[in-house]
Amino acid sequence: MFKEATLYSPVIRTENGHVSVLFAEEHPGRHDEAYQRHRARIAKLALDHVPGQPVPDVRYTDEEHELWRLVGAELREKHQRYACREFLDGARRLDLPTDRLPQLGEASARLTELTGFRFRPAAGIVEMRDFYGSLADGLFQATQYIRHCSMPRFSPEPDMIHEVVGHGSALANDRLAGIYLRVGEAARRAESREVLSALSRVFWFALEYGLVREDGEIRACGASLLSSVGELEQFREAADIRPLDAARMSALTYRVEDYQPVLFCADSFDDLEAFLDGFLDDVRRGAPTGAARG
């Protein structure tokens, strides 16, 4: 998964092939050597993967499977209260296992059956044009590690809970999958870094942290928000919720390390889809803020 704001744990590969993951001082795995080695092995699997070949399986620990079970149970309960209908439809169709961490390959196979999308393993941060452009091919580049067990309710990194529960559920819904495809097609035609950066930020506020009004309530449709137990509990009260505005989204900075202080809400899912289609038309024309609304 691409994150513009930070290279939280960059992956390094030396000339002799040794792979390591560099953790920031505040990262919960910074002083956990076993976790660091485990993350490096997972990163190497992704770096060694040949496109077109089966996604390599990861040997997850018992502790990681337990983390998946606990966080997954909390998320499913909160999704019923806070998630929009399209996301809930995708989660139901994807039908991820609840008793163990799924392999990225098995989730990918199910996704392909449903909407034609598939996962490809990523070692860590993916270059912006590569990540967004690959969506046009029905390809979502996803990490295979899971967050550190000491920090289960929020992850500043795009881990398996974020990728498979958050984006996987979205991509299993036909309408959301169609939006992701259109994002990829627009990214392919974006001629400048400035336009691509604007697209990235609107994607962040609409599809990572987006909100929609549904039956008189504010519901979440963004993958990052819907994969964070802690943030789901407080976003309605703690965040500054604003109407959709592409110009403001494009100019607003964000930090992946924290809960988001500003969120944007559509009047309905139809409204969100129309807004994004208008914005993406502007991206194709090279004027990404033309869809701004008050």
C-alpha atoms as a PDB file:
ATOM      1  CA  MET A   1       0.000   0.000   0.000  1.00  0.00           C
ATOM      2  CA  PHE A   2       1.185   3.521  -0.769  1.00  0.00           C
ATOM      3  CA  LYS A   3       1.355   6.164   1.968  1.00  0.00           C
ATOM      4  CA  GLU A   4       2.522   9.602   0.870  1.00  0.00           C
ATOM      5  CA  ALA A   5       3.204  11.181   4.252  1.00  0.00           C
ATOM      6  CA  THR A   6       5.949   8.987   5.657  1.00  0.00           C
ATOM      7  CA  LEU A   7       8.308   6.104   5.006  1.00  0.00           C
ATOM      8  CA  TYR A   8       7.505   4.587   8.365  1.00  0.00           C
ATOM      9  CA  SER A   9       9.515   1.359   8.016  1.00  0.00           C
ATOM     10  CA  PRO A  10      11.514   1.371   4.781  1.00  0.00           C
ATOM     11  CA  VAL A  11      12.827  -1.934   3.456  1.00  0.00           C
ATOM     12  CA  ILE A  12      16.534  -2.138   2.627  1.00  0.00           C
ATOM     13  CA  ARG A  13      18.195  -4.774   0.452  1.00  0.00           C
ATOM     14  CA  THR A  14      21.996  -4.816   0.331  1.00  0.00           C
ATOM     15  CA  GLU A  15      24.137  -5.837  -2.622  1.00  0.00           C
ATOM     16  CA  ASN A  16      24.630  -9.292  -1.103  1.00  0.00           C
ATOM     17  CA  GLY A  17      20.860  -9.799  -0.899  1.00  0.00           C
ATOM     18  CA  HIS A  18      20.373  -9.253   2.823  1.00  0.00           C
ATOM     19  CA  VAL A  19      16.962  -7.733   3.589  1.00  0.00           C
ATOM     20  CA  SER A  20      16.175  -5.618   6.634  1.00  0.00           C
ATOM     21  CA  VAL A  21      13.363  -3.318   7.752  1.00  0.00           C
ATOM     22  CA  LEU A  22      14.289  -0.019   9.387  1.00  0.00           C
ATOM     23  CA  PHE A  23      11.992   0.856  12.276  1.00  0.00           C
ATOM     24  CA  ALA A  24      11.543   4.352  13.634  1.00  0.00           C
ATOM     25  CA  GLU A  25      12.389   4.812  17.308  1.00  0.00           C
ATOM     26  CA  GLU A  26       8.699   5.102  18.249  1.00  0.00           C
ATOM     27  CA  HIS A  27       7.700   1.943  16.354  1.00  0.00           C
ATOM     28  CA  PRO A  28       6.425  -0.758  18.767  1.00  0.00           C
ATOM     29  CA  GLY A  29       8.686  -3.345  17.114  1.00  0.00           C
ATOM     30  CA  ARG A  30      11.826  -1.192  17.312  1.00  0.00           C
ATOM     31  CA  HIS A  31      13.326  -3.216  20.172  1.00  0.00           C
ATOM     32  CA  ASP A  32      11.730  -6.577  19.358  1.00  0.00           C
ATOM     33  CA  GLU A  33      14.422  -8.490  17.500  1.00  0.00           C
ATOM     34  CA  ALA A  34      12.233 -11.508  16.757  1.00  0.00           C
ATOM     35  CA  TYR A  35       9.597  -9.271  15.158  1.00  0.00           C
ATOM     36  CA  GLN A  36      12.262  -7.459  13.153  1.00  0.00           C
ATOM     37  CA  ARG A  37      13.617 -10.734  11.754  1.00  0.00           C
ATOM     38  CA  HIS A  38      10.087 -11.925  11.002  1.00  0.00           C
ATOM     39  CA  ARG A  39       9.270  -8.701   9.133  1.00  0.00           C
ATOM     40  CA  ALA A  40      12.508  -8.985   7.155  1.00  0.00           C
ATOM     41  CA  ARG A  41      11.635 -12.546   6.070  1.00  0.00           C
ATOM     42  CA  ILE A  42       8.195 -11.410   4.931  1.00  0.00           C
ATOM     43  CA  ALA A  43       9.689  -8.459   3.052  1.00  0.00           C
ATOM     44  CA  LYS A  44      12.130 -10.782   1.280  1.00  0.00           C
ATOM     45  CA  LEU A  45       9.267 -12.999   0.100  1.00  0.00           C
ATOM     46  CA  ALA A  46       7.682  -9.969  -1.559  1.00  0.00           C
ATOM     47  CA  LEU A  47      10.956  -8.723  -3.054  1.00  0.00           C
ATOM     48  CA  ASP A  48      11.658 -12.179  -4.506  1.00  0.00           C
ATOM     49  CA  HIS A  49       8.151 -12.601  -5.890  1.00  0.00           C
ATOM     50  CA  VAL A  50       7.904 -12.808  -9.670  1.00  0.00           C
ATOM     51  CA  PRO A  51       4.776 -11.106 -11.086  1.00  0.00           C
ATOM     52  CA  GLY A  52       2.430 -13.705 -12.498  1.00  0.00           C
ATOM     53  CA  GLN A  53       3.604 -16.383 -10.087  1.00  0.00           C
ATOM     54  CA  PRO A  54       1.524 -17.518  -7.075  1.00  0.00           C
ATOM     55  CA  VAL A  55       1.648 -15.230  -4.054  1.00  0.00           C
ATOM     56  CA  PRO A  56       4.080 -16.782  -1.525  1.00  0.00           C
ATOM     57  CA  ASP A  57       2.629 -17.991   1.773  1.00  0.00           C
ATOM     58  CA  VAL A  58       3.855 -16.536   5.065  1.00  0.00           C
ATOM     59  CA  ARG A  59       4.396 -18.624   8.169  1.00  0.00           C
ATOM     60  CA  TYR A  60       2.541 -16.554  10.753  1.00  0.00           C
ATOM     61  CA  THR A  61       3.075 -17.058  14.482  1.00  0.00           C
ATOM     62  CA  ASP A  62       0.455 -18.296  16.929  1.00  0.00           C
ATOM     63  CA  GLU A  63       0.513 -14.832  18.496  1.00  0.00           C
ATOM     64  CA  GLU A  64      -0.265 -13.238  15.130  1.00  0.00           C
ATOM     65  CA  HIS A  65      -3.180 -15.590  14.504  1.00  0.00           C
ATOM     66  CA  GLU A  66      -4.534 -14.687  17.946  1.00  0.00           C
ATOM     67  CA  LEU A  67      -4.140 -10.990  17.158  1.00  0.00           C
ATOM     68  CA  TRP A  68      -6.150 -11.504  13.953  1.00  0.00           C
ATOM     69  CA  ARG A  69      -8.913 -13.284  15.878  1.00  0.00           C
ATOM     70  CA  LEU A  70      -9.180 -10.605  18.557  1.00  0.00           C
ATOM     71  CA  VAL A  71      -8.958  -7.556  16.298  1.00  0.00           C
ATOM     72  CA  GLY A  72     -11.176  -9.173  13.679  1.00  0.00           C
ATOM     73  CA  ALA A  73     -13.934  -9.821  16.209  1.00  0.00           C
ATOM     74  CA  GLU A  74     -13.834  -6.206  17.411  1.00  0.00           C
ATOM     75  CA  LEU A  75     -13.852  -4.853  13.868  1.00  0.00           C
ATOM     76  CA  ARG A  76     -16.808  -6.989  12.773  1.00  0.00           C
ATOM     77  CA  GLU A  77     -18.846  -5.694  15.688  1.00  0.00           C
ATOM     78  CA  LYS A  78     -17.933  -2.074  14.960  1.00  0.00           C
ATOM     79  CA  HIS A  79     -18.511  -2.463  11.224  1.00  0.00           C
ATOM     80  CA  GLN A  80     -22.140  -3.291  11.893  1.00  0.00           C
ATOM     81  CA  ARG A  81     -22.458   0.024  13.747  1.00  0.00           C
ATOM     82  CA  TYR A  82     -20.249   2.289  11.646  1.00  0.00           C
ATOM     83  CA  ALA A  83     -19.597   0.887   8.141  1.00  0.00           C
ATOM     84  CA  CYS A  84     -21.539   1.857   5.022  1.00  0.00           C
ATOM     85  CA  ARG A  85     -23.645  -0.700   3.133  1.00  0.00           C
ATOM     86  CA  GLU A  86     -21.195  -1.102   0.245  1.00  0.00           C
ATOM     87  CA  PHE A  87     -18.360  -2.016   2.590  1.00  0.00           C
ATOM     88  CA  LEU A  88     -20.526  -4.461   4.547  1.00  0.00           C
ATOM     89  CA  ASP A  89     -21.578  -6.081   1.270  1.00  0.00           C
ATOM     90  CA  GLY A  90     -17.939  -6.516   0.258  1.00  0.00           C
ATOM     91  CA  ALA A  91     -16.956  -7.963   3.638  1.00  0.00           C
ATOM     92  CA  ARG A  92     -19.819 -10.456   3.460  1.00  0.00           C
ATOM     93  CA  ARG A  93     -18.848 -11.538  -0.043  1.00  0.00           C
ATOM     94  CA  LEU A  94     -15.125 -11.790   0.707  1.00  0.00           C
ATOM     95  CA  ASP A  95     -15.895 -13.935   3.777  1.00  0.00           C
ATOM     96  CA  LEU A  96     -12.427 -13.888   5.343  1.00  0.00           C
ATOM     97  CA  PRO A  97     -11.585 -16.603   7.900  1.00  0.00           C
ATOM     98  CA  THR A  98     -12.166 -15.538  11.492  1.00  0.00           C
ATOM     99  CA  ASP A  99     -10.054 -18.166  13.269  1.00  0.00           C
ATOM    100  CA  ARG A 100      -6.697 -17.489  11.584  1.00  0.00           C
ATOM    101  CA  LEU A 101      -4.796 -15.028   9.463  1.00  0.00           C
ATOM    102  CA  PRO A 102      -5.581 -15.690   5.800  1.00  0.00           C
ATOM    103  CA  GLN A 103      -2.821 -15.965   3.262  1.00  0.00           C
ATOM    104  CA  LEU A 104      -2.728 -13.058   0.828  1.00  0.00           C
ATOM    105  CA  GLY A 105      -2.937 -15.554  -2.051  1.00  0.00           C
ATOM    106  CA  GLU A 106      -6.196 -17.102  -0.866  1.00  0.00           C
ATOM    107  CA  ALA A 107      -7.763 -13.671  -0.300  1.00  0.00           C
ATOM    108  CA  SER A 108      -6.595 -12.691  -3.777  1.00  0.00           C
ATOM    109  CA  ALA A 109      -8.173 -15.761  -5.378  1.00  0.00           C
ATOM    110  CA  ARG A 110     -11.511 -15.011  -3.742  1.00  0.00           C
ATOM    111  CA  LEU A 111     -11.322 -11.368  -4.762  1.00  0.00           C
ATOM    112  CA  THR A 112     -10.640 -12.306  -8.367  1.00  0.00           C
ATOM    113  CA  GLU A 113     -13.754 -14.504  -8.398  1.00  0.00           C
ATOM    114  CA  LEU A 114     -15.857 -11.594  -7.151  1.00  0.00           C
ATOM    115  CA  THR A 115     -14.681  -8.476  -8.997  1.00  0.00           C
ATOM    116  CA  GLY A 116     -11.581  -9.403 -11.006  1.00  0.00           C
ATOM    117  CA  PHE A 117      -9.166  -7.623  -8.650  1.00  0.00           C
ATOM    118  CA  ARG A 118      -6.145  -9.427  -7.254  1.00  0.00           C
ATOM    119  CA  PHE A 119      -3.463  -8.794  -4.655  1.00  0.00           C
ATOM    120  CA  ARG A 120       0.254  -8.660  -5.376  1.00  0.00           C
ATOM    121  CA  PRO A 121       2.713  -8.769  -2.463  1.00  0.00           C
ATOM    122  CA  ALA A 122       4.592  -5.583  -1.602  1.00  0.00           C
ATOM    123  CA  ALA A 123       7.586  -5.466   0.733  1.00  0.00           C
ATOM    124  CA  GLY A 124       6.579  -2.052   2.071  1.00  0.00           C
ATOM    125  CA  ILE A 125       5.936   1.379   0.628  1.00  0.00           C
ATOM    126  CA  VAL A 126       5.220   1.382  -3.127  1.00  0.00           C
ATOM    127  CA  GLU A 127       6.155   4.302  -5.352  1.00  0.00           C
ATOM    128  CA  MET A 128       3.112   6.519  -5.910  1.00  0.00           C
ATOM    129  CA  ARG A 129       2.721   6.233  -9.693  1.00  0.00           C
ATOM    130  CA  ASP A 130       3.329   2.480  -9.581  1.00  0.00           C
ATOM    131  CA  PHE A 131       0.783   1.890  -6.817  1.00  0.00           C
ATOM    132  CA  TYR A 132      -2.059   3.949  -8.230  1.00  0.00           C
ATOM    133  CA  GLY A 133      -1.367   3.037 -11.851  1.00  0.00           C
ATOM    134  CA  SER A 134      -1.536  -0.686 -11.088  1.00  0.00           C
ATOM    135  CA  LEU A 135      -5.157  -0.273  -9.951  1.00  0.00           C
ATOM    136  CA  ALA A 136      -6.055   0.203 -13.623  1.00  0.00           C
ATOM    137  CA  ASP A 137      -5.010  -3.425 -14.169  1.00  0.00           C
ATOM    138  CA  GLY A 138      -7.176  -4.665 -11.299  1.00  0.00           C
ATOM    139  CA  LEU A 139      -4.041  -5.076  -9.187  1.00  0.00           C
ATOM    140  CA  PHE A 140      -3.708  -3.989  -5.571  1.00  0.00           C
ATOM    141  CA  GLN A 141      -0.195  -4.100  -4.130  1.00  0.00           C
ATOM    142  CA  ALA A 142      -0.466  -5.209  -0.508  1.00  0.00           C
ATOM    143  CA  THR A 143       1.843  -5.981   2.383  1.00  0.00           C
ATOM    144  CA  GLN A 144       1.766  -9.369   4.115  1.00  0.00           C
ATOM    145  CA  TYR A 145       2.936  -8.534   7.637  1.00  0.00           C
ATOM    146  CA  ILE A 146       0.662  -7.800  10.564  1.00  0.00           C
ATOM    147  CA  ARG A 147       0.973  -5.018  13.131  1.00  0.00           C
ATOM    148  CA  HIS A 148       2.972  -5.545  16.309  1.00  0.00           C
ATOM    149  CA  CYS A 149       0.940  -7.374  18.936  1.00  0.00           C
ATOM    150  CA  SER A 150       1.518  -4.613  21.503  1.00  0.00           C
ATOM    151  CA  MET A 151      -0.438  -2.151  19.327  1.00  0.00           C
ATOM    152  CA  PRO A 152      -3.516  -4.062  18.136  1.00  0.00           C
ATOM    153  CA  ARG A 153      -6.143  -1.326  17.821  1.00  0.00           C
ATOM    154  CA  PHE A 154      -4.346   1.024  15.406  1.00  0.00           C
ATOM    155  CA  SER A 155      -1.477   0.691  12.954  1.00  0.00           C
ATOM    156  CA  PRO A 156       0.317   3.579  11.226  1.00  0.00           C
ATOM    157  CA  GLU A 157       1.528   1.030   8.684  1.00  0.00           C
ATOM    158  CA  PRO A 158      -0.577  -0.740   6.043  1.00  0.00           C
ATOM    159  CA  ASP A 159      -0.586  -4.265   7.491  1.00  0.00           C
ATOM    160  CA  MET A 160      -2.671  -7.337   6.621  1.00  0.00           C
ATOM    161  CA  ILE A 161      -5.625  -6.103   8.665  1.00  0.00           C
ATOM    162  CA  HIS A 162      -5.591  -2.854   6.736  1.00  0.00           C
ATOM    163  CA  GLU A 163      -4.971  -4.434   3.340  1.00  0.00           C
ATOM    164  CA  VAL A 164      -7.249  -7.476   3.472  1.00  0.00           C
ATOM    165  CA  VAL A 165     -10.020  -6.343   5.830  1.00  0.00           C
ATOM    166  CA  GLY A 166     -10.020  -2.686   4.764  1.00  0.00           C
ATOM    167  CA  HIS A 167      -9.182  -2.635   1.074  1.00  0.00           C
ATOM    168  CA  GLY A 168     -10.091  -6.269   0.422  1.00  0.00           C
ATOM    169  CA  SER A 169     -13.667  -5.741   1.622  1.00  0.00           C
ATOM    170  CA  ALA A 170     -13.926  -2.586  -0.489  1.00  0.00           C
ATOM    171  CA  LEU A 171     -12.569  -4.346  -3.575  1.00  0.00           C
ATOM    172  CA  ALA A 172     -15.064  -7.199  -3.107  1.00  0.00           C
ATOM    173  CA  ASN A 173     -17.915  -4.735  -3.681  1.00  0.00           C
ATOM    174  CA  ASP A 174     -18.645  -4.015  -7.337  1.00  0.00           C
ATOM    175  CA  ARG A 175     -19.218  -0.276  -6.936  1.00  0.00           C
ATOM    176  CA  LEU A 176     -16.117   0.338  -4.851  1.00  0.00           C
ATOM    177  CA  ALA A 177     -13.984  -1.889  -7.092  1.00  0.00           C
ATOM    178  CA  GLY A 178     -15.175   0.166 -10.056  1.00  0.00           C
ATOM    179  CA  ILE A 179     -14.058   3.370  -8.335  1.00  0.00           C
ATOM    180  CA  TYR A 180     -10.604   1.901  -7.646  1.00  0.00           C
ATOM    181  CA  LEU A 181     -10.302   0.968 -11.320  1.00  0.00           C
ATOM    182  CA  ARG A 182     -11.194   4.492 -12.390  1.00  0.00           C
ATOM    183  CA  VAL A 183      -8.635   5.892  -9.960  1.00  0.00           C
ATOM    184  CA  GLY A 184      -5.997   3.718 -11.622  1.00  0.00           C
ATOM    185  CA  GLU A 185      -6.999   4.787 -15.105  1.00  0.00           C
ATOM    186  CA  ALA A 186      -6.797   8.463 -14.106  1.00  0.00           C
ATOM    187  CA  ALA A 187      -3.416   7.915 -12.442  1.00  0.00           C
ATOM    188  CA  ARG A 188      -2.061   6.385 -15.638  1.00  0.00           C
ATOM    189  CA  ARG A 189      -2.969   9.571 -17.501  1.00  0.00           C
ATOM    190  CA  ALA A 190      -1.703  12.017 -14.876  1.00  0.00           C
ATOM    191  CA  GLU A 191       1.164  13.850 -16.536  1.00  0.00           C
ATOM    192  CA  SER A 192       2.740  15.599 -13.552  1.00  0.00           C
ATOM    193  CA  ARG A 193       3.767  14.763 -10.021  1.00  0.00           C
ATOM    194  CA  GLU A 194       1.549  17.615  -8.827  1.00  0.00           C
ATOM    195  CA  VAL A 195      -1.568  16.100 -10.394  1.00  0.00           C
ATOM    196  CA  LEU A 196      -0.703  12.636  -9.093  1.00  0.00           C
ATOM    197  CA  SER A 197      -0.133  14.016  -5.599  1.00  0.00           C
ATOM    198  CA  ALA A 198      -3.564  15.686  -5.697  1.00  0.00           C
ATOM    199  CA  LEU A 199      -5.110  12.362  -6.708  1.00  0.00           C
ATOM    200  CA  SER A 200      -3.293  10.634  -3.854  1.00  0.00           C
ATOM    201  CA  ARG A 201      -4.628  13.052  -1.265  1.00  0.00           C
ATOM    202  CA  VAL A 202      -8.199  12.875  -2.508  1.00  0.00           C
ATOM    203  CA  PHE A 203      -7.896   9.072  -2.465  1.00  0.00           C
ATOM    204  CA  TRP A 204      -6.713   9.346   1.136  1.00  0.00           C
ATOM    205  CA  PHE A 205      -9.627  11.467   2.307  1.00  0.00           C
ATOM    206  CA  ALA A 206     -12.271   9.684   0.184  1.00  0.00           C
ATOM    207  CA  LEU A 207     -11.243   6.008   0.091  1.00  0.00           C
ATOM    208  CA  GLU A 208      -8.900   5.637   3.061  1.00  0.00           C
ATOM    209  CA  TYR A 209     -10.834   7.865   5.471  1.00  0.00           C
ATOM    210  CA  GLY A 210     -14.038   8.707   3.603  1.00  0.00           C
ATOM    211  CA  LEU A 211     -17.454   9.063   5.225  1.00  0.00           C
ATOM    212  CA  VAL A 212     -20.987   8.937   3.820  1.00  0.00           C
ATOM    213  CA  ARG A 213     -24.395   9.791   5.236  1.00  0.00           C
ATOM    214  CA  GLU A 214     -26.702   6.809   5.327  1.00  0.00           C
ATOM    215  CA  ASP A 215     -30.156   6.626   6.926  1.00  0.00           C
ATOM    216  CA  GLY A 216     -29.473   9.840   8.821  1.00  0.00           C
ATOM    217  CA  GLU A 217     -26.147   8.662  10.261  1.00  0.00           C
ATOM    218  CA  ILE A 218     -22.515   9.208   9.304  1.00  0.00           C
ATOM    219  CA  ARG A 219     -20.975   5.938   8.172  1.00  0.00           C
ATOM    220  CA  ALA A 220     -17.408   5.035   7.266  1.00  0.00           C
ATOM    221  CA  CYS A 221     -16.375   3.780   3.836  1.00  0.00           C
ATOM    222  CA  GLY A 222     -12.595   4.345   4.029  1.00  0.00           C
ATOM    223  CA  ALA A 223     -10.279   1.342   4.345  1.00  0.00           C
ATOM    224  CA  SER A 224      -7.919   2.889   6.910  1.00  0.00           C
ATOM    225  CA  LEU A 225     -10.723   4.006   9.177  1.00  0.00           C
ATOM    226  CA  LEU A 226     -12.486   0.650   8.882  1.00  0.00           C
ATOM    227  CA  SER A 227      -9.342  -1.281   9.852  1.00  0.00           C
ATOM    228  CA  SER A 228      -8.701   0.730  13.041  1.00  0.00           C
ATOM    229  CA  VAL A 229     -10.694  -0.350  16.084  1.00  0.00           C
ATOM    230  CA  GLY A 230      -9.538   2.633  18.103  1.00  0.00           C
ATOM    231  CA  GLU A 231     -10.330   5.258  15.491  1.00  0.00           C
ATOM    232  CA  LEU A 232     -13.765   3.830  14.690  1.00  0.00           C
ATOM    233  CA  GLU A 233     -14.751   4.357  18.305  1.00  0.00           C
ATOM    234  CA  GLN A 234     -14.201   8.103  18.273  1.00  0.00           C
ATOM    235  CA  PHE A 235     -14.254   9.562  14.749  1.00  0.00           C
ATOM    236  CA  ARG A 236     -17.801  10.938  14.933  1.00  0.00           C
ATOM    237  CA  GLU A 237     -17.055  12.990  18.037  1.00  0.00           C
ATOM    238  CA  ALA A 238     -13.323  13.724  17.719  1.00  0.00           C
ATOM    239  CA  ALA A 239     -12.846  14.630  14.052  1.00  0.00           C
ATOM    240  CA  ASP A 240     -13.685  17.866  12.269  1.00  0.00           C
ATOM    241  CA  ILE A 241     -16.110  16.492   9.650  1.00  0.00           C
ATOM    242  CA  ARG A 242     -16.395  18.614   6.503  1.00  0.00           C
ATOM    243  CA  PRO A 243     -18.290  18.396   3.190  1.00  0.00           C
ATOM    244  CA  LEU A 244     -16.490  17.005   0.149  1.00  0.00           C
ATOM    245  CA  ASP A 245     -14.086  19.527  -1.359  1.00  0.00           C
ATOM    246  CA  ALA A 246     -11.382  18.373  -3.765  1.00  0.00           C
ATOM    247  CA  ALA A 247      -9.374  21.604  -3.524  1.00  0.00           C
ATOM    248  CA  ARG A 248      -9.191  21.388   0.257  1.00  0.00           C
ATOM    249  CA  MET A 249      -8.470  17.665   0.200  1.00  0.00           C
ATOM    250  CA  SER A 250      -5.649  18.224  -2.290  1.00  0.00           C
ATOM    251  CA  ALA A 251      -4.049  20.912  -0.130  1.00  0.00           C
ATOM    252  CA  LEU A 252      -4.482  19.309   3.287  1.00  0.00           C
ATOM    253  CA  THR A 253      -1.519  17.498   4.808  1.00  0.00           C
ATOM    254  CA  TYR A 254      -1.954  14.417   6.983  1.00  0.00           C
ATOM    255  CA  ARG A 255       0.085  12.149   9.230  1.00  0.00           C
ATOM    256  CA  VAL A 256      -0.339   8.391   9.094  1.00  0.00           C
ATOM    257  CA  GLU A 257       1.007   8.032  12.638  1.00  0.00           C
ATOM    258  CA  ASP A 258      -2.062   9.626  14.238  1.00  0.00           C
ATOM    259  CA  TYR A 259      -5.834   9.537  14.197  1.00  0.00           C
ATOM    260  CA  GLN A 260      -7.079  11.928  11.524  1.00  0.00           C
ATOM    261  CA  PRO A 261      -8.288  15.292  12.894  1.00  0.00           C
ATOM    262  CA  VAL A 262     -10.134  16.230   9.666  1.00  0.00           C
ATOM    263  CA  LEU A 263     -12.490  13.960   7.715  1.00  0.00           C
ATOM    264  CA  PHE A 264     -14.753  14.569   4.707  1.00  0.00           C
ATOM    265  CA  CYS A 265     -18.309  13.289   4.372  1.00  0.00           C
ATOM    266  CA  ALA A 266     -20.519  12.730   1.316  1.00  0.00           C
ATOM    267  CA  ASP A 267     -24.286  13.162   1.473  1.00  0.00           C
ATOM    268  CA  SER A 268     -24.669   9.571   0.233  1.00  0.00           C
ATOM    269  CA  PHE A 269     -22.653   6.890  -1.525  1.00  0.00           C
ATOM    270  CA  ASP A 270     -24.115   8.100  -4.826  1.00  0.00           C
ATOM    271  CA  ASP A 271     -22.826  11.567  -3.952  1.00  0.00           C
ATOM    272  CA  LEU A 272     -19.359  10.213  -3.167  1.00  0.00           C
ATOM    273  CA  GLU A 273     -19.227   8.298  -6.437  1.00  0.00           C
ATOM    274  CA  ALA A 274     -20.341  11.318  -8.477  1.00  0.00           C
ATOM    275  CA  PHE A 275     -17.833  13.543  -6.686  1.00  0.00           C
ATOM    276  CA  LEU A 276     -14.957  11.161  -7.397  1.00  0.00           C
ATOM    277  CA  ASP A 277     -15.976  10.688 -11.024  1.00  0.00           C
ATOM    278  CA  GLY A 278     -15.964  14.462 -11.490  1.00  0.00           C
ATOM    279  CA  PHE A 279     -12.602  14.797  -9.791  1.00  0.00           C
ATOM    280  CA  LEU A 280     -11.079  11.974 -11.855  1.00  0.00           C
ATOM    281  CA  ASP A 281     -12.342  13.600 -15.054  1.00  0.00           C
ATOM    282  CA  ASP A 282     -10.445  16.708 -13.984  1.00  0.00           C
ATOM    283  CA  VAL A 283      -7.327  14.631 -13.297  1.00  0.00           C
ATOM    284  CA  ARG A 284      -7.482  13.242 -16.828  1.00  0.00           C
ATOM    285  CA  ARG A 285      -7.638  16.805 -18.112  1.00  0.00           C
ATOM    286  CA  GLY A 286      -4.702  17.826 -15.913  1.00  0.00           C
ATOM    287  CA  ALA A 287      -6.746  20.098 -13.593  1.00  0.00           C
ATOM    288  CA  PRO A 288      -7.233  17.998 -10.439  1.00  0.00           C
ATOM    289  CA  THR A 289      -8.856  20.621  -8.216  1.00  0.00           C
ATOM    290  CA  GLY A 290     -11.628  21.502 -10.664  1.00  0.00           C
ATOM    291  CA  ALA A 291     -14.159  19.320  -8.849  1.00  0.00           C
ATOM    292  CA  ALA A 292     -13.934  21.396  -5.673  1.00  0.00           C
ATOM    293  CA  ARG A 293     -17.200  21.919  -3.838  1.00  0.00           C
ATOM    294  CA  GLY A 294     -18.199  23.993  -0.856  1.00  0.00           C
END
